[in-house]
Amino acid sequence: MEAKSPIEALLFTPPQISQAMDLVLNTSNHASILIRILKKLMFNVESLQRNKNKIAFNCSKQSKIKH
């Protein structure tokens, strides 16, 4: 059966094309999930860095008080 318009062509796509479209959608969805995870990890790394700096500052204050 021949498709007459681009819309009709979508109705008659071979299974391989449909599977490829699903794969592209899943891949982009996975990419957005990975980007969100990466942003969260970067935020956590920045928080850890700030905490490390606070601890180092507090330790230096303590050592000055003791001496």
Protein backbone atom coordinates (compact mmCIF):
# COMPACT_ATOMS: atom_id res chain seq x y z
CA MET A 1 0.00 0.00 0.00
CA GLU A 2 1.48 3.33 -1.11
CA ALA A 3 1.44 6.33 1.25
CA LYS A 4 0.02 9.52 -0.27
CA SER A 5 1.24 12.07 2.31
CA PRO A 6 3.95 12.35 4.99
CA ILE A 7 1.28 11.68 7.65
CA GLU A 8 0.15 8.54 5.87
CA ALA A 9 3.78 7.52 5.44
CA LEU A 10 4.08 7.43 9.23
CA LEU A 11 1.17 5.01 9.37
CA PHE A 12 2.96 2.64 7.00
CA THR A 13 6.48 2.75 8.42
CA PRO A 14 8.29 -0.57 8.48
CA PRO A 15 8.87 -2.04 11.95
CA GLN A 16 12.61 -1.27 11.73
CA ILE A 17 11.93 2.45 11.33
CA SER A 18 9.47 2.37 14.21
CA GLN A 19 12.04 0.57 16.39
CA ALA A 20 14.72 3.09 15.38
CA MET A 21 12.40 5.96 16.33
CA ASP A 22 11.74 4.31 19.72
CA LEU A 23 15.49 3.88 20.22
CA VAL A 24 16.13 7.56 19.46
CA LEU A 25 13.40 8.63 21.90
CA ASN A 26 14.75 6.31 24.61
CA THR A 27 18.31 7.47 24.01
CA SER A 28 17.36 11.14 24.30
CA ASN A 29 15.36 10.32 27.44
CA HIS A 30 18.37 8.48 28.88
CA ALA A 31 20.59 11.42 27.96
CA SER A 32 18.34 13.87 29.80
CA ILE A 33 18.31 11.58 32.85
CA LEU A 34 22.11 11.31 32.73
CA ILE A 35 22.43 15.10 32.45
CA ARG A 36 20.21 15.54 35.53
CA ILE A 37 22.32 13.00 37.45
CA LEU A 38 25.52 14.73 36.34
CA LYS A 39 24.20 18.14 37.46
CA LYS A 40 23.27 16.67 40.85
CA LEU A 41 26.73 15.10 41.18
CA MET A 42 28.38 18.41 40.30
CA PHE A 43 26.25 20.16 42.93
CA ASN A 44 27.29 17.52 45.49
CA VAL A 45 30.97 17.94 44.58
CA GLU A 46 30.66 21.71 45.03
CA SER A 47 28.98 21.19 48.42
CA LEU A 48 31.74 18.82 49.49
CA GLN A 49 34.35 21.36 48.38
CA ARG A 50 32.67 24.11 50.42
CA ASN A 51 32.47 21.80 53.46
CA LYS A 52 36.14 20.86 53.07
CA ASN A 53 37.07 24.55 52.96
CA LYS A 54 35.00 25.27 56.09
CA ILE A 55 36.65 22.38 57.93
CA ALA A 56 40.12 23.54 56.87
CA PHE A 57 39.29 27.09 58.00
CA ASN A 58 37.97 25.88 61.36
CA CYS A 59 41.03 23.67 61.88
CA SER A 60 43.36 26.58 61.16
CA LYS A 61 41.42 28.74 63.64
CA GLN A 62 41.68 25.99 66.28
CA SER A 63 45.42 25.58 65.76
CA LYS A 64 45.93 29.35 66.13
CA ILE A 65 43.92 29.36 69.37
CA LYS A 66 46.01 26.51 70.84
CA HIS A 67 49.34 28.21 70.06
